[in-house]
N, C-alpha and C. Protein backbone atom coordinates (compact mmCIF):
# COMPACT_ATOMS: atom_id res chain seq x y z
N UNK A 1 15.64 -13.37 -86.33
CA UNK A 1 15.35 -13.31 -84.92
C UNK A 1 16.31 -12.36 -84.19
N UNK A 2 17.56 -12.35 -84.65
CA UNK A 2 18.53 -11.50 -83.97
C UNK A 2 18.14 -10.04 -84.07
N UNK A 3 17.52 -9.64 -85.17
CA UNK A 3 17.10 -8.24 -85.32
C UNK A 3 16.02 -7.88 -84.31
N UNK A 4 15.18 -8.83 -83.95
CA UNK A 4 14.10 -8.52 -83.02
C UNK A 4 14.57 -8.42 -81.58
N UNK A 5 15.64 -9.13 -81.20
CA UNK A 5 16.09 -9.06 -79.82
C UNK A 5 17.06 -7.94 -79.54
N UNK A 6 17.44 -7.19 -80.57
CA UNK A 6 18.35 -6.07 -80.35
C UNK A 6 17.62 -4.72 -80.45
N UNK A 7 16.31 -4.74 -80.39
CA UNK A 7 15.56 -3.48 -80.35
C UNK A 7 15.64 -2.89 -78.95
N UNK A 8 15.53 -1.59 -78.86
CA UNK A 8 15.77 -0.88 -77.61
C UNK A 8 14.87 -1.33 -76.47
N UNK A 9 13.60 -1.56 -76.72
CA UNK A 9 12.71 -1.98 -75.62
C UNK A 9 13.09 -3.36 -75.11
N UNK A 10 13.52 -4.27 -76.00
CA UNK A 10 13.93 -5.59 -75.56
C UNK A 10 15.25 -5.53 -74.80
N UNK A 11 16.14 -4.63 -75.21
CA UNK A 11 17.40 -4.47 -74.51
C UNK A 11 17.14 -4.06 -73.07
N UNK A 12 16.26 -3.09 -72.87
CA UNK A 12 15.96 -2.61 -71.52
C UNK A 12 15.30 -3.70 -70.68
N UNK A 13 14.40 -4.45 -71.27
CA UNK A 13 13.75 -5.54 -70.54
C UNK A 13 14.76 -6.59 -70.14
N UNK A 14 15.61 -6.99 -71.07
CA UNK A 14 16.60 -8.02 -70.77
C UNK A 14 17.61 -7.53 -69.75
N UNK A 15 17.97 -6.26 -69.80
CA UNK A 15 18.87 -5.72 -68.78
C UNK A 15 18.24 -5.78 -67.39
N UNK A 16 16.95 -5.54 -67.31
CA UNK A 16 16.27 -5.64 -66.02
C UNK A 16 16.14 -7.09 -65.55
N UNK A 17 16.06 -8.02 -66.49
CA UNK A 17 15.94 -9.44 -66.13
C UNK A 17 17.26 -10.03 -65.61
N UNK A 18 18.35 -9.30 -65.74
CA UNK A 18 19.64 -9.86 -65.31
C UNK A 18 19.75 -10.01 -63.80
N UNK A 19 18.82 -9.44 -63.04
CA UNK A 19 18.83 -9.63 -61.59
C UNK A 19 18.41 -11.06 -61.20
N UNK A 20 17.64 -11.69 -62.05
CA UNK A 20 17.11 -13.02 -61.74
C UNK A 20 18.21 -14.05 -61.47
N UNK A 21 19.19 -14.26 -62.36
CA UNK A 21 20.18 -15.28 -62.05
C UNK A 21 21.09 -14.91 -60.89
N UNK A 22 21.20 -13.63 -60.60
CA UNK A 22 22.08 -13.20 -59.51
C UNK A 22 21.50 -13.52 -58.14
N UNK A 23 20.20 -13.50 -58.01
CA UNK A 23 19.57 -13.75 -56.71
C UNK A 23 18.81 -15.07 -56.66
N UNK A 24 18.99 -15.91 -57.66
CA UNK A 24 18.27 -17.18 -57.73
C UNK A 24 18.94 -18.21 -56.81
N UNK A 25 18.59 -18.16 -55.55
CA UNK A 25 19.06 -19.10 -54.54
C UNK A 25 17.87 -19.64 -53.78
N UNK A 26 18.01 -20.81 -53.15
CA UNK A 26 16.92 -21.28 -52.28
C UNK A 26 16.75 -20.30 -51.11
N UNK A 27 15.56 -20.21 -50.54
CA UNK A 27 15.34 -19.29 -49.41
C UNK A 27 16.28 -19.53 -48.22
N UNK A 28 16.75 -20.75 -48.06
CA UNK A 28 17.64 -21.06 -46.93
C UNK A 28 18.98 -20.34 -47.06
N UNK A 29 19.35 -19.94 -48.25
CA UNK A 29 20.61 -19.23 -48.45
C UNK A 29 20.58 -17.81 -47.90
N UNK A 30 19.39 -17.27 -47.70
CA UNK A 30 19.26 -15.91 -47.20
C UNK A 30 18.91 -15.88 -45.72
N UNK A 31 19.04 -17.02 -45.04
CA UNK A 31 18.72 -17.10 -43.61
C UNK A 31 19.77 -16.41 -42.75
N UNK A 32 19.43 -16.25 -41.48
CA UNK A 32 20.33 -15.57 -40.54
C UNK A 32 21.51 -16.44 -40.15
N UNK A 33 21.42 -17.74 -40.32
CA UNK A 33 22.49 -18.64 -39.91
C UNK A 33 23.52 -18.92 -41.02
N UNK A 34 23.44 -18.22 -42.12
CA UNK A 34 24.36 -18.44 -43.22
C UNK A 34 24.94 -17.09 -43.68
N UNK A 35 26.08 -17.18 -44.33
CA UNK A 35 26.69 -15.96 -44.85
C UNK A 35 26.71 -15.95 -46.37
N UNK A 36 25.81 -16.66 -46.98
CA UNK A 36 25.73 -16.72 -48.44
C UNK A 36 24.97 -15.53 -49.03
N UNK A 37 24.28 -14.78 -48.24
CA UNK A 37 23.39 -13.74 -48.74
C UNK A 37 24.13 -12.53 -49.33
N UNK A 38 25.35 -12.25 -48.86
CA UNK A 38 26.00 -11.01 -49.26
C UNK A 38 26.48 -11.01 -50.71
N UNK A 39 26.89 -12.16 -51.24
CA UNK A 39 27.38 -12.20 -52.62
C UNK A 39 26.29 -11.89 -53.63
N UNK A 40 25.12 -12.52 -53.55
CA UNK A 40 24.08 -12.13 -54.52
C UNK A 40 23.64 -10.68 -54.38
N UNK A 41 23.64 -10.17 -53.16
CA UNK A 41 23.26 -8.77 -52.95
C UNK A 41 24.30 -7.85 -53.57
N UNK A 42 25.58 -8.16 -53.38
CA UNK A 42 26.65 -7.35 -53.96
C UNK A 42 26.62 -7.39 -55.49
N UNK A 43 26.46 -8.56 -56.06
CA UNK A 43 26.40 -8.67 -57.52
C UNK A 43 25.17 -7.95 -58.10
N UNK A 44 24.04 -8.05 -57.40
CA UNK A 44 22.83 -7.35 -57.84
C UNK A 44 23.02 -5.82 -57.76
N UNK A 45 23.72 -5.36 -56.72
CA UNK A 45 24.00 -3.93 -56.60
C UNK A 45 24.90 -3.45 -57.75
N UNK A 46 25.88 -4.26 -58.10
CA UNK A 46 26.75 -3.91 -59.24
C UNK A 46 25.94 -3.83 -60.53
N UNK A 47 25.10 -4.81 -60.75
CA UNK A 47 24.25 -4.82 -61.96
C UNK A 47 23.30 -3.64 -61.94
N UNK A 48 22.76 -3.31 -60.78
CA UNK A 48 21.86 -2.16 -60.66
C UNK A 48 22.56 -0.85 -61.00
N UNK A 49 23.79 -0.69 -60.52
CA UNK A 49 24.54 0.53 -60.82
C UNK A 49 24.81 0.61 -62.33
N UNK A 50 25.13 -0.51 -62.96
CA UNK A 50 25.39 -0.52 -64.39
C UNK A 50 24.14 -0.19 -65.19
N UNK A 51 23.00 -0.76 -64.79
CA UNK A 51 21.75 -0.47 -65.48
C UNK A 51 21.40 1.01 -65.34
N UNK A 52 21.58 1.56 -64.15
CA UNK A 52 21.31 2.98 -63.93
C UNK A 52 22.16 3.83 -64.87
N UNK A 53 23.43 3.50 -64.99
CA UNK A 53 24.32 4.26 -65.88
C UNK A 53 23.91 4.14 -67.35
N UNK A 54 23.50 2.95 -67.74
CA UNK A 54 23.20 2.72 -69.15
C UNK A 54 21.82 3.24 -69.56
N UNK A 55 20.83 2.96 -68.74
CA UNK A 55 19.45 3.27 -69.14
C UNK A 55 19.02 4.67 -68.69
N UNK A 56 19.32 5.03 -67.46
CA UNK A 56 18.86 6.32 -66.94
C UNK A 56 19.81 7.45 -67.35
N UNK A 57 21.09 7.27 -67.08
CA UNK A 57 22.06 8.34 -67.39
C UNK A 57 22.55 8.30 -68.83
N UNK A 58 22.24 7.19 -69.54
CA UNK A 58 22.60 7.01 -70.95
C UNK A 58 24.10 7.20 -71.16
N UNK A 59 24.89 6.56 -70.35
CA UNK A 59 26.34 6.66 -70.41
C UNK A 59 26.88 6.01 -71.69
N UNK A 60 27.89 6.65 -72.25
CA UNK A 60 28.55 6.08 -73.43
C UNK A 60 29.83 5.34 -73.05
N UNK A 61 30.16 5.36 -71.77
CA UNK A 61 31.35 4.67 -71.28
C UNK A 61 31.18 3.17 -71.35
N UNK A 62 32.29 2.47 -71.37
CA UNK A 62 32.24 1.01 -71.42
C UNK A 62 32.18 0.35 -70.05
N UNK A 63 32.51 1.07 -68.99
CA UNK A 63 32.59 0.42 -67.69
C UNK A 63 31.28 -0.17 -67.21
N UNK A 64 30.09 0.39 -67.53
CA UNK A 64 28.87 -0.30 -67.09
C UNK A 64 28.70 -1.67 -67.76
N UNK A 65 29.12 -1.79 -69.00
CA UNK A 65 29.04 -3.07 -69.69
C UNK A 65 30.00 -4.06 -69.06
N UNK A 66 31.19 -3.58 -68.69
CA UNK A 66 32.16 -4.43 -68.02
C UNK A 66 31.67 -4.87 -66.65
N UNK A 67 30.97 -3.98 -65.95
CA UNK A 67 30.43 -4.30 -64.63
C UNK A 67 29.35 -5.38 -64.74
N UNK A 68 28.52 -5.29 -65.76
CA UNK A 68 27.51 -6.33 -66.00
C UNK A 68 28.20 -7.66 -66.29
N UNK A 69 29.20 -7.62 -67.15
CA UNK A 69 29.94 -8.86 -67.47
C UNK A 69 30.62 -9.44 -66.25
N UNK A 70 31.20 -8.58 -65.41
CA UNK A 70 31.85 -9.05 -64.19
C UNK A 70 30.84 -9.70 -63.26
N UNK A 71 29.69 -9.06 -63.06
CA UNK A 71 28.68 -9.61 -62.15
C UNK A 71 28.17 -10.95 -62.64
N UNK A 72 27.88 -11.06 -63.92
CA UNK A 72 27.36 -12.33 -64.44
C UNK A 72 28.45 -13.40 -64.46
N UNK A 73 29.67 -13.03 -64.83
CA UNK A 73 30.77 -13.99 -64.83
C UNK A 73 31.12 -14.47 -63.43
N UNK A 74 31.13 -13.57 -62.48
CA UNK A 74 31.42 -13.96 -61.10
C UNK A 74 30.29 -14.81 -60.53
N UNK A 75 29.07 -14.57 -60.99
CA UNK A 75 27.95 -15.43 -60.59
C UNK A 75 28.18 -16.85 -61.05
N UNK A 76 28.64 -17.03 -62.27
CA UNK A 76 28.92 -18.38 -62.78
C UNK A 76 30.03 -19.04 -61.96
N UNK A 77 31.11 -18.30 -61.73
CA UNK A 77 32.24 -18.85 -60.97
C UNK A 77 31.82 -19.22 -59.55
N UNK A 78 31.09 -18.34 -58.88
CA UNK A 78 30.69 -18.62 -57.50
C UNK A 78 29.72 -19.79 -57.43
N UNK A 79 28.85 -19.93 -58.41
CA UNK A 79 27.92 -21.07 -58.43
C UNK A 79 28.69 -22.38 -58.58
N UNK A 80 29.69 -22.38 -59.44
CA UNK A 80 30.49 -23.59 -59.63
C UNK A 80 31.28 -23.92 -58.35
N UNK A 81 31.76 -22.90 -57.66
CA UNK A 81 32.53 -23.14 -56.44
C UNK A 81 31.65 -23.64 -55.30
N UNK A 82 30.40 -23.21 -55.26
CA UNK A 82 29.50 -23.62 -54.17
C UNK A 82 28.71 -24.88 -54.50
N UNK A 83 28.87 -25.39 -55.70
CA UNK A 83 28.10 -26.55 -56.12
C UNK A 83 28.39 -27.80 -55.30
N UNK A 84 29.64 -28.13 -55.14
CA UNK A 84 30.00 -29.35 -54.41
C UNK A 84 29.62 -29.30 -52.91
N UNK A 85 29.90 -28.21 -52.20
CA UNK A 85 29.52 -28.20 -50.79
C UNK A 85 28.00 -28.25 -50.56
N UNK A 86 27.23 -27.80 -51.53
CA UNK A 86 25.78 -27.76 -51.36
C UNK A 86 25.04 -28.84 -52.13
N UNK A 87 25.75 -29.73 -52.76
CA UNK A 87 25.11 -30.77 -53.60
C UNK A 87 24.32 -31.77 -52.75
N UNK A 88 24.73 -31.98 -51.51
CA UNK A 88 24.02 -32.90 -50.62
C UNK A 88 23.76 -32.21 -49.30
N UNK A 89 22.79 -32.76 -48.55
CA UNK A 89 22.52 -32.27 -47.21
C UNK A 89 22.21 -33.47 -46.32
N UNK A 90 22.33 -33.25 -45.03
CA UNK A 90 22.13 -34.31 -44.05
C UNK A 90 20.66 -34.39 -43.69
N UNK A 91 20.04 -35.54 -43.93
CA UNK A 91 18.62 -35.73 -43.65
C UNK A 91 18.48 -36.93 -42.69
N UNK A 92 18.41 -36.63 -41.40
CA UNK A 92 18.28 -37.67 -40.35
C UNK A 92 19.42 -38.69 -40.43
N UNK A 93 20.64 -38.20 -40.59
CA UNK A 93 21.80 -39.08 -40.59
C UNK A 93 22.17 -39.65 -41.93
N UNK A 94 21.41 -39.41 -42.96
CA UNK A 94 21.75 -39.89 -44.30
C UNK A 94 21.97 -38.69 -45.23
N UNK A 95 22.81 -38.88 -46.20
CA UNK A 95 23.06 -37.83 -47.17
C UNK A 95 22.03 -37.90 -48.28
N UNK A 96 21.41 -36.76 -48.55
CA UNK A 96 20.40 -36.68 -49.61
C UNK A 96 20.84 -35.64 -50.64
N UNK A 97 20.47 -35.87 -51.87
CA UNK A 97 20.81 -34.97 -52.96
C UNK A 97 19.96 -33.70 -52.86
N UNK A 98 20.59 -32.57 -52.93
CA UNK A 98 19.91 -31.28 -52.85
C UNK A 98 19.50 -30.86 -54.27
N UNK A 99 18.41 -31.44 -54.72
CA UNK A 99 17.95 -31.23 -56.10
C UNK A 99 17.58 -29.77 -56.36
N UNK A 100 16.93 -29.13 -55.41
CA UNK A 100 16.53 -27.73 -55.60
C UNK A 100 17.75 -26.83 -55.81
N UNK A 101 18.77 -27.03 -55.00
CA UNK A 101 19.96 -26.20 -55.13
C UNK A 101 20.68 -26.47 -56.46
N UNK A 102 20.80 -27.73 -56.82
CA UNK A 102 21.45 -28.09 -58.08
C UNK A 102 20.70 -27.54 -59.28
N UNK A 103 19.37 -27.63 -59.25
CA UNK A 103 18.55 -27.13 -60.35
C UNK A 103 18.64 -25.61 -60.45
N UNK A 104 18.54 -24.91 -59.33
CA UNK A 104 18.63 -23.45 -59.35
C UNK A 104 20.01 -22.99 -59.79
N UNK A 105 21.05 -23.67 -59.36
CA UNK A 105 22.40 -23.30 -59.77
C UNK A 105 22.60 -23.52 -61.26
N UNK A 106 22.13 -24.64 -61.79
CA UNK A 106 22.26 -24.91 -63.22
C UNK A 106 21.51 -23.90 -64.06
N UNK A 107 20.29 -23.58 -63.66
CA UNK A 107 19.50 -22.57 -64.39
C UNK A 107 20.16 -21.20 -64.30
N UNK A 108 20.69 -20.85 -63.15
CA UNK A 108 21.34 -19.56 -62.97
C UNK A 108 22.59 -19.45 -63.84
N UNK A 109 23.38 -20.53 -63.90
CA UNK A 109 24.58 -20.52 -64.73
C UNK A 109 24.21 -20.36 -66.21
N UNK A 110 23.20 -21.09 -66.66
CA UNK A 110 22.78 -20.96 -68.07
C UNK A 110 22.23 -19.57 -68.38
N UNK A 111 21.46 -19.03 -67.45
CA UNK A 111 20.89 -17.69 -67.65
C UNK A 111 21.99 -16.63 -67.67
N UNK A 112 22.96 -16.74 -66.75
CA UNK A 112 24.07 -15.79 -66.73
C UNK A 112 24.91 -15.89 -68.00
N UNK A 113 25.16 -17.10 -68.47
CA UNK A 113 25.94 -17.28 -69.70
C UNK A 113 25.21 -16.67 -70.90
N UNK A 114 23.89 -16.84 -70.96
CA UNK A 114 23.16 -16.26 -72.08
C UNK A 114 23.14 -14.73 -71.99
N UNK A 115 23.07 -14.19 -70.78
CA UNK A 115 23.14 -12.73 -70.62
C UNK A 115 24.51 -12.19 -70.99
N UNK A 116 25.56 -12.94 -70.66
CA UNK A 116 26.90 -12.53 -71.08
C UNK A 116 26.99 -12.48 -72.60
N UNK A 117 26.47 -13.51 -73.25
CA UNK A 117 26.49 -13.53 -74.73
C UNK A 117 25.71 -12.35 -75.28
N UNK A 118 24.53 -12.10 -74.73
CA UNK A 118 23.65 -11.06 -75.24
C UNK A 118 24.27 -9.67 -75.08
N UNK A 119 24.82 -9.38 -73.91
CA UNK A 119 25.36 -8.03 -73.68
C UNK A 119 26.64 -7.77 -74.45
N UNK A 120 27.27 -8.81 -74.97
CA UNK A 120 28.47 -8.62 -75.77
C UNK A 120 28.17 -8.42 -77.27
N UNK A 121 26.92 -8.53 -77.66
CA UNK A 121 26.56 -8.29 -79.06
C UNK A 121 26.76 -6.80 -79.38
N UNK A 122 27.46 -6.49 -80.46
CA UNK A 122 27.67 -5.08 -80.80
C UNK A 122 26.36 -4.34 -81.09
N UNK A 123 25.39 -5.05 -81.68
CA UNK A 123 24.12 -4.40 -81.98
C UNK A 123 23.39 -3.94 -80.73
N UNK A 124 23.53 -4.68 -79.64
CA UNK A 124 22.87 -4.32 -78.40
C UNK A 124 23.42 -3.00 -77.88
N UNK A 125 24.73 -2.89 -77.84
CA UNK A 125 25.34 -1.67 -77.33
C UNK A 125 25.06 -0.47 -78.23
N UNK A 126 25.11 -0.66 -79.53
CA UNK A 126 24.85 0.46 -80.46
C UNK A 126 23.39 0.90 -80.40
N UNK A 127 22.46 -0.03 -80.37
CA UNK A 127 21.03 0.33 -80.33
C UNK A 127 20.68 1.03 -79.03
N UNK A 128 21.27 0.65 -77.92
CA UNK A 128 20.98 1.33 -76.67
C UNK A 128 21.51 2.75 -76.68
N UNK A 129 22.64 2.98 -77.34
CA UNK A 129 23.20 4.33 -77.45
C UNK A 129 22.41 5.23 -78.39
N UNK A 130 21.86 4.66 -79.45
CA UNK A 130 21.18 5.45 -80.47
C UNK A 130 19.80 5.92 -80.04
N UNK A 131 19.17 5.23 -79.11
CA UNK A 131 17.81 5.62 -78.75
C UNK A 131 17.74 6.18 -77.37
C-alpha cells in the first residue's frame, strides 16, 4: 500500500487536501464578531505558498516542506489551545457541550497529524522531485 500512496499524482492530490484541516472550523468561527478567522487563513496561505513552490515551481529546497510541517503542526497546537475555551457554550443560561466544535477539532488534529506523517516520508519527497 505504501508504494501506491507515494506516486506523483497521489502526492499532488494529498498536498492539495492539506487545506481541509487548516480551515475546518464551524461557520461561527469566521463571523465578524470573532477574531478566530485569521489563523486558519494565515496557515492556509503558508501551505499554499509551499504547494506553489513544490508543485508549480518544482523547488528542490527544503523550506516548502518545513513550511507545510509548520502549518500542520501549528494547526494541531492551536486546536489544542482553543479546545477548552470552546468546549462548551451558553444556551439560555445553561452550559451545553459544543459537540460540533469538538468533533471538527478532533478530526482536524487527526488529519493534520496524518499529513505530517505523510509529508515526512522520504519516498514522497523523492518521487515529487523525480517527476
